[in-house]
Amino acid sequence: MGLQLIEFAAWARNRKIVASLLVTVTLAIGIVIGTVASGRVGASHPASASDATPLAIPDPVQLSSAFASM
């Protein structure tokens, strides 16, 4: 594996334009895939569960005094 990495680094040094183009094309493909995948996410639709109850948040003063008593 190390020899292959050294050979790839030498190839990239000799062909900087090709290596730069390869990186740019790879990033562009990733951006396109990310855009298409995020467009099909259905998590933005409202939930059908109407029995949800809000969480009770405790008073921060009581929490800090409880920590101090420890």
PDB file of N, CA and C in Angstrom:
ATOM      1  N   MET A   1       0.832  -1.193   0.000  1.00  0.00           N
ATOM      2  CA  MET A   1       0.000   0.000   0.000  1.00  0.00           C
ATOM      3  C   MET A   1       0.869   1.245   0.000  1.00  0.00           C
ATOM      4  N   GLY A   2       1.979   1.249   0.721  1.00  0.00           N
ATOM      5  CA  GLY A   2       2.841   2.411   0.793  1.00  0.00           C
ATOM      6  C   GLY A   2       3.480   2.727  -0.541  1.00  0.00           C
ATOM      7  N   LEU A   3       3.857   1.687  -1.282  1.00  0.00           N
ATOM      8  CA  LEU A   3       4.475   1.873  -2.589  1.00  0.00           C
ATOM      9  C   LEU A   3       3.478   2.475  -3.572  1.00  0.00           C
ATOM     10  N   GLN A   4       2.231   2.046  -3.508  1.00  0.00           N
ATOM     11  CA  GLN A   4       1.209   2.601  -4.385  1.00  0.00           C
ATOM     12  C   GLN A   4       0.976   4.078  -4.093  1.00  0.00           C
ATOM     13  N   LEU A   5       1.009   4.461  -2.824  1.00  0.00           N
ATOM     14  CA  LEU A   5       0.823   5.849  -2.442  1.00  0.00           C
ATOM     15  C   LEU A   5       1.979   6.705  -2.933  1.00  0.00           C
ATOM     16  N   ILE A   6       3.189   6.190  -2.841  1.00  0.00           N
ATOM     17  CA  ILE A   6       4.358   6.924  -3.325  1.00  0.00           C
ATOM     18  C   ILE A   6       4.284   7.097  -4.840  1.00  0.00           C
ATOM     19  N   GLU A   7       3.867   6.045  -5.538  1.00  0.00           N
ATOM     20  CA  GLU A   7       3.729   6.137  -6.990  1.00  0.00           C
ATOM     21  C   GLU A   7       2.648   7.140  -7.376  1.00  0.00           C
ATOM     22  N   PHE A   8       1.536   7.164  -6.643  1.00  0.00           N
ATOM     23  CA  PHE A   8       0.473   8.121  -6.930  1.00  0.00           C
ATOM     24  C   PHE A   8       0.948   9.545  -6.673  1.00  0.00           C
ATOM     25  N   ALA A   9       1.715   9.764  -5.601  1.00  0.00           N
ATOM     26  CA  ALA A   9       2.233  11.102  -5.304  1.00  0.00           C
ATOM     27  C   ALA A   9       3.186  11.556  -6.408  1.00  0.00           C
ATOM     28  N   ALA A  10       4.023  10.667  -6.903  1.00  0.00           N
ATOM     29  CA  ALA A  10       4.925  11.014  -7.997  1.00  0.00           C
ATOM     30  C   ALA A  10       4.144  11.331  -9.266  1.00  0.00           C
ATOM     31  N   TRP A  11       3.101  10.556  -9.541  1.00  0.00           N
ATOM     32  CA  TRP A  11       2.263  10.808 -10.709  1.00  0.00           C
ATOM     33  C   TRP A  11       1.588  12.178 -10.607  1.00  0.00           C
ATOM     34  N   ALA A  12       1.098  12.497  -9.412  1.00  0.00           N
ATOM     35  CA  ALA A  12       0.412  13.775  -9.209  1.00  0.00           C
ATOM     36  C   ALA A  12       1.390  14.940  -9.341  1.00  0.00           C
ATOM     37  N   ARG A  13       2.619  14.766  -8.873  1.00  0.00           N
ATOM     38  CA  ARG A  13       3.622  15.820  -9.005  1.00  0.00           C
ATOM     39  C   ARG A  13       3.946  16.076 -10.472  1.00  0.00           C
ATOM     40  N   ASN A  14       4.024  15.026 -11.254  1.00  0.00           N
ATOM     41  CA  ASN A  14       4.368  15.165 -12.665  1.00  0.00           C
ATOM     42  C   ASN A  14       3.198  15.695 -13.484  1.00  0.00           C
ATOM     43  N   ARG A  15       2.002  15.441 -13.059  1.00  0.00           N
ATOM     44  CA  ARG A  15       0.811  15.839 -13.827  1.00  0.00           C
ATOM     45  C   ARG A  15      -0.119  16.659 -12.940  1.00  0.00           C
ATOM     46  N   LYS A  16       0.305  17.857 -12.560  1.00  0.00           N
ATOM     47  CA  LYS A  16      -0.462  18.685 -11.634  1.00  0.00           C
ATOM     48  C   LYS A  16      -1.797  19.118 -12.217  1.00  0.00           C
ATOM     49  N   ILE A  17      -1.833  19.393 -13.492  1.00  0.00           N
ATOM     50  CA  ILE A  17      -3.085  19.838 -14.097  1.00  0.00           C
ATOM     51  C   ILE A  17      -4.109  18.706 -14.084  1.00  0.00           C
ATOM     52  N   VAL A  18      -3.672  17.510 -14.434  1.00  0.00           N
ATOM     53  CA  VAL A  18      -4.582  16.365 -14.442  1.00  0.00           C
ATOM     54  C   VAL A  18      -5.051  16.061 -13.019  1.00  0.00           C
ATOM     55  N   ALA A  19      -4.143  16.127 -12.061  1.00  0.00           N
ATOM     56  CA  ALA A  19      -4.515  15.856 -10.671  1.00  0.00           C
ATOM     57  C   ALA A  19      -5.481  16.924 -10.149  1.00  0.00           C
ATOM     58  N   SER A  20      -5.264  18.174 -10.493  1.00  0.00           N
ATOM     59  CA  SER A  20      -6.163  19.250 -10.073  1.00  0.00           C
ATOM     60  C   SER A  20      -7.539  19.070 -10.700  1.00  0.00           C
ATOM     61  N   LEU A  21      -7.571  18.682 -11.961  1.00  0.00           N
ATOM     62  CA  LEU A  21      -8.836  18.433 -12.637  1.00  0.00           C
ATOM     63  C   LEU A  21      -9.570  17.261 -11.994  1.00  0.00           C
ATOM     64  N   LEU A  22      -8.837  16.228 -11.624  1.00  0.00           N
ATOM     65  CA  LEU A  22      -9.435  15.062 -10.970  1.00  0.00           C
ATOM     66  C   LEU A  22     -10.064  15.450  -9.634  1.00  0.00           C
ATOM     67  N   VAL A  23      -9.373  16.257  -8.857  1.00  0.00           N
ATOM     68  CA  VAL A  23      -9.908  16.716  -7.567  1.00  0.00           C
ATOM     69  C   VAL A  23     -11.138  17.584  -7.783  1.00  0.00           C
ATOM     70  N   THR A  24     -11.085  18.476  -8.759  1.00  0.00           N
ATOM     71  CA  THR A  24     -12.210  19.364  -9.029  1.00  0.00           C
ATOM     72  C   THR A  24     -13.445  18.586  -9.481  1.00  0.00           C
ATOM     73  N   VAL A  25     -13.253  17.615 -10.358  1.00  0.00           N
ATOM     74  CA  VAL A  25     -14.375  16.805 -10.829  1.00  0.00           C
ATOM     75  C   VAL A  25     -14.964  15.995  -9.672  1.00  0.00           C
ATOM     76  N   THR A  26     -14.116  15.453  -8.817  1.00  0.00           N
ATOM     77  CA  THR A  26     -14.601  14.686  -7.666  1.00  0.00           C
ATOM     78  C   THR A  26     -15.430  15.560  -6.730  1.00  0.00           C
ATOM     79  N   LEU A  27     -14.964  16.770  -6.460  1.00  0.00           N
ATOM     80  CA  LEU A  27     -15.719  17.683  -5.606  1.00  0.00           C
ATOM     81  C   LEU A  27     -17.044  18.081  -6.250  1.00  0.00           C
ATOM     82  N   ALA A  28     -17.033  18.323  -7.549  1.00  0.00           N
ATOM     83  CA  ALA A  28     -18.262  18.702  -8.248  1.00  0.00           C
ATOM     84  C   ALA A  28     -19.281  17.571  -8.194  1.00  0.00           C
ATOM     85  N   ILE A  29     -18.832  16.345  -8.389  1.00  0.00           N
ATOM     86  CA  ILE A  29     -19.738  15.197  -8.308  1.00  0.00           C
ATOM     87  C   ILE A  29     -20.315  15.084  -6.896  1.00  0.00           C
ATOM     88  N   GLY A  30     -19.504  15.307  -5.885  1.00  0.00           N
ATOM     89  CA  GLY A  30     -19.989  15.263  -4.505  1.00  0.00           C
ATOM     90  C   GLY A  30     -21.018  16.338  -4.220  1.00  0.00           C
ATOM     91  N   ILE A  31     -20.819  17.532  -4.769  1.00  0.00           N
ATOM     92  CA  ILE A  31     -21.784  18.620  -4.575  1.00  0.00           C
ATOM     93  C   ILE A  31     -23.104  18.287  -5.255  1.00  0.00           C
ATOM     94  N   VAL A  32     -23.018  17.745  -6.462  1.00  0.00           N
ATOM     95  CA  VAL A  32     -24.245  17.383  -7.181  1.00  0.00           C
ATOM     96  C   VAL A  32     -24.994  16.280  -6.437  1.00  0.00           C
ATOM     97  N   ILE A  33     -24.292  15.274  -5.975  1.00  0.00           N
ATOM     98  CA  ILE A  33     -24.941  14.188  -5.225  1.00  0.00           C
ATOM     99  C   ILE A  33     -25.571  14.722  -3.944  1.00  0.00           C
ATOM    100  N   GLY A  34     -24.870  15.606  -3.252  1.00  0.00           N
ATOM    101  CA  GLY A  34     -25.423  16.186  -2.032  1.00  0.00           C
ATOM    102  C   GLY A  34     -26.655  17.024  -2.282  1.00  0.00           C
ATOM    103  N   THR A  35     -26.671  17.735  -3.389  1.00  0.00           N
ATOM    104  CA  THR A  35     -27.834  18.549  -3.727  1.00  0.00           C
ATOM    105  C   THR A  35     -29.028  17.682  -4.084  1.00  0.00           C
ATOM    106  N   VAL A  36     -28.811  16.643  -4.866  1.00  0.00           N
ATOM    107  CA  VAL A  36     -29.898  15.762  -5.275  1.00  0.00           C
ATOM    108  C   VAL A  36     -30.430  14.989  -4.072  1.00  0.00           C
ATOM    109  N   ALA A  37     -29.544  14.506  -3.220  1.00  0.00           N
ATOM    110  CA  ALA A  37     -29.965  13.719  -2.059  1.00  0.00           C
ATOM    111  C   ALA A  37     -30.735  14.573  -1.063  1.00  0.00           C
ATOM    112  N   SER A  38     -30.333  15.820  -0.858  1.00  0.00           N
ATOM    113  CA  SER A  38     -31.033  16.668   0.104  1.00  0.00           C
ATOM    114  C   SER A  38     -32.375  17.129  -0.436  1.00  0.00           C
ATOM    115  N   GLY A  39     -32.566  17.125  -1.741  1.00  0.00           N
ATOM    116  CA  GLY A  39     -33.842  17.514  -2.316  1.00  0.00           C
ATOM    117  C   GLY A  39     -34.910  16.468  -2.137  1.00  0.00           C
ATOM    118  N   ARG A  40     -34.532  15.233  -1.875  1.00  0.00           N
ATOM    119  CA  ARG A  40     -35.493  14.147  -1.738  1.00  0.00           C
ATOM    120  C   ARG A  40     -35.768  13.751  -0.296  1.00  0.00           C
ATOM    121  N   VAL A  41     -35.253  14.498   0.661  1.00  0.00           N
ATOM    122  CA  VAL A  41     -35.470  14.175   2.068  1.00  0.00           C
ATOM    123  C   VAL A  41     -36.885  14.573   2.453  1.00  0.00           C
ATOM    124  N   GLY A  42     -37.621  13.671   3.083  1.00  0.00           N
ATOM    125  CA  GLY A  42     -39.007  13.942   3.448  1.00  0.00           C
ATOM    126  C   GLY A  42     -39.187  14.306   4.908  1.00  0.00           C
ATOM    127  N   ALA A  43     -38.151  14.716   5.591  1.00  0.00           N
ATOM    128  CA  ALA A  43     -38.255  15.018   7.018  1.00  0.00           C
ATOM    129  C   ALA A  43     -38.912  16.365   7.285  1.00  0.00           C
ATOM    130  N   SER A  44     -39.102  17.174   6.269  1.00  0.00           N
ATOM    131  CA  SER A  44     -39.683  18.491   6.476  1.00  0.00           C
ATOM    132  C   SER A  44     -41.206  18.461   6.559  1.00  0.00           C
ATOM    133  N   HIS A  45     -41.820  17.330   6.293  1.00  0.00           N
ATOM    134  CA  HIS A  45     -43.270  17.218   6.378  1.00  0.00           C
ATOM    135  C   HIS A  45     -43.696  17.164   7.836  1.00  0.00           C
ATOM    136  N   PRO A  46     -44.822  17.792   8.167  1.00  0.00           N
ATOM    137  CA  PRO A  46     -45.256  17.777   9.572  1.00  0.00           C
ATOM    138  C   PRO A  46     -45.601  16.370  10.047  1.00  0.00           C
ATOM    139  N   ALA A  47     -45.336  16.129  11.306  1.00  0.00           N
ATOM    140  CA  ALA A  47     -45.615  14.815  11.892  1.00  0.00           C
ATOM    141  C   ALA A  47     -47.112  14.661  12.131  1.00  0.00           C
ATOM    142  N   SER A  48     -47.578  13.437  12.060  1.00  0.00           N
ATOM    143  CA  SER A  48     -49.011  13.191  12.240  1.00  0.00           C
ATOM    144  C   SER A  48     -49.368  12.881  13.693  1.00  0.00           C
ATOM    145  N   ALA A  49     -48.383  12.823  14.577  1.00  0.00           N
ATOM    146  CA  ALA A  49     -48.654  12.514  15.983  1.00  0.00           C
ATOM    147  C   ALA A  49     -49.130  13.778  16.689  1.00  0.00           C
ATOM    148  N   SER A  50     -50.395  13.788  17.125  1.00  0.00           N
ATOM    149  CA  SER A  50     -50.946  14.969  17.797  1.00  0.00           C
ATOM    150  C   SER A  50     -50.915  14.833  19.317  1.00  0.00           C
ATOM    151  N   ASP A  51     -50.460  13.691  19.841  1.00  0.00           N
ATOM    152  CA  ASP A  51     -50.424  13.484  21.283  1.00  0.00           C
ATOM    153  C   ASP A  51     -49.065  13.829  21.891  1.00  0.00           C
ATOM    154  N   ALA A  52     -48.255  14.587  21.184  1.00  0.00           N
ATOM    155  CA  ALA A  52     -46.931  14.956  21.681  1.00  0.00           C
ATOM    156  C   ALA A  52     -47.071  16.019  22.768  1.00  0.00           C
ATOM    157  N   THR A  53     -46.342  15.833  23.860  1.00  0.00           N
ATOM    158  CA  THR A  53     -46.363  16.807  24.955  1.00  0.00           C
ATOM    159  C   THR A  53     -45.013  17.503  25.014  1.00  0.00           C
ATOM    160  N   PRO A  54     -45.011  18.791  25.315  1.00  0.00           N
ATOM    161  CA  PRO A  54     -43.748  19.515  25.392  1.00  0.00           C
ATOM    162  C   PRO A  54     -42.935  19.070  26.613  1.00  0.00           C
ATOM    163  N   LEU A  55     -41.639  19.181  26.509  1.00  0.00           N
ATOM    164  CA  LEU A  55     -40.765  18.810  27.614  1.00  0.00           C
ATOM    165  C   LEU A  55     -40.787  19.876  28.698  1.00  0.00           C
ATOM    166  N   ALA A  56     -40.703  19.452  29.936  1.00  0.00           N
ATOM    167  CA  ALA A  56     -40.627  20.377  31.062  1.00  0.00           C
ATOM    168  C   ALA A  56     -39.161  20.678  31.338  1.00  0.00           C
ATOM    169  N   ILE A  57     -38.797  21.950  31.248  1.00  0.00           N
ATOM    170  CA  ILE A  57     -37.411  22.360  31.474  1.00  0.00           C
ATOM    171  C   ILE A  57     -37.289  22.834  32.917  1.00  0.00           C
ATOM    172  N   PRO A  58     -36.408  22.225  33.708  1.00  0.00           N
ATOM    173  CA  PRO A  58     -36.277  22.630  35.114  1.00  0.00           C
ATOM    174  C   PRO A  58     -35.623  24.004  35.240  1.00  0.00           C
ATOM    175  N   ASP A  59     -35.853  24.627  36.374  1.00  0.00           N
ATOM    176  CA  ASP A  59     -35.312  25.958  36.645  1.00  0.00           C
ATOM    177  C   ASP A  59     -33.788  25.873  36.794  1.00  0.00           C
ATOM    178  N   PRO A  60     -33.023  26.701  36.086  1.00  0.00           N
ATOM    179  CA  PRO A  60     -31.571  26.623  36.162  1.00  0.00           C
ATOM    180  C   PRO A  60     -31.013  26.952  37.548  1.00  0.00           C
ATOM    181  N   VAL A  61     -31.710  27.786  38.319  1.00  0.00           N
ATOM    182  CA  VAL A  61     -31.229  28.133  39.662  1.00  0.00           C
ATOM    183  C   VAL A  61     -31.265  26.901  40.557  1.00  0.00           C
ATOM    184  N   GLN A  62     -32.310  26.112  40.464  1.00  0.00           N
ATOM    185  CA  GLN A  62     -32.401  24.897  41.271  1.00  0.00           C
ATOM    186  C   GLN A  62     -31.332  23.897  40.855  1.00  0.00           C
ATOM    187  N   LEU A  63     -31.060  23.816  39.584  1.00  0.00           N
ATOM    188  CA  LEU A  63     -30.030  22.891  39.118  1.00  0.00           C
ATOM    189  C   LEU A  63     -28.649  23.292  39.619  1.00  0.00           C
ATOM    190  N   SER A  64     -28.342  24.584  39.606  1.00  0.00           N
ATOM    191  CA  SER A  64     -27.008  25.016  40.050  1.00  0.00           C
ATOM    192  C   SER A  64     -26.849  24.836  41.553  1.00  0.00           C
ATOM    193  N   SER A  65     -27.920  25.038  42.313  1.00  0.00           N
ATOM    194  CA  SER A  65     -27.809  24.849  43.763  1.00  0.00           C
ATOM    195  C   SER A  65     -27.690  23.361  44.095  1.00  0.00           C
ATOM    196  N   ALA A  66     -28.328  22.501  43.319  1.00  0.00           N
ATOM    197  CA  ALA A  66     -28.202  21.068  43.537  1.00  0.00           C
ATOM    198  C   ALA A  66     -26.792  20.598  43.232  1.00  0.00           C
ATOM    199  N   PHE A  67     -26.167  21.171  42.229  1.00  0.00           N
ATOM    200  CA  PHE A  67     -24.795  20.807  41.899  1.00  0.00           C
ATOM    201  C   PHE A  67     -23.843  21.304  42.989  1.00  0.00           C
ATOM    202  N   ALA A  68     -24.090  22.489  43.530  1.00  0.00           N
ATOM    203  CA  ALA A  68     -23.233  23.036  44.586  1.00  0.00           C
ATOM    204  C   ALA A  68     -23.337  22.215  45.865  1.00  0.00           C
ATOM    205  N   SER A  69     -24.477  21.640  46.133  1.00  0.00           N
ATOM    206  CA  SER A  69     -24.625  20.852  47.355  1.00  0.00           C
ATOM    207  C   SER A  69     -23.892  19.513  47.283  1.00  0.00           C
ATOM    208  N   MET A  70     -23.575  19.077  46.084  1.00  0.00           N
ATOM    209  CA  MET A  70     -22.809  17.831  45.951  1.00  0.00           C
ATOM    210  C   MET A  70     -21.409  18.066  46.411  1.00  0.00           C
TER     211      MET A  70
END
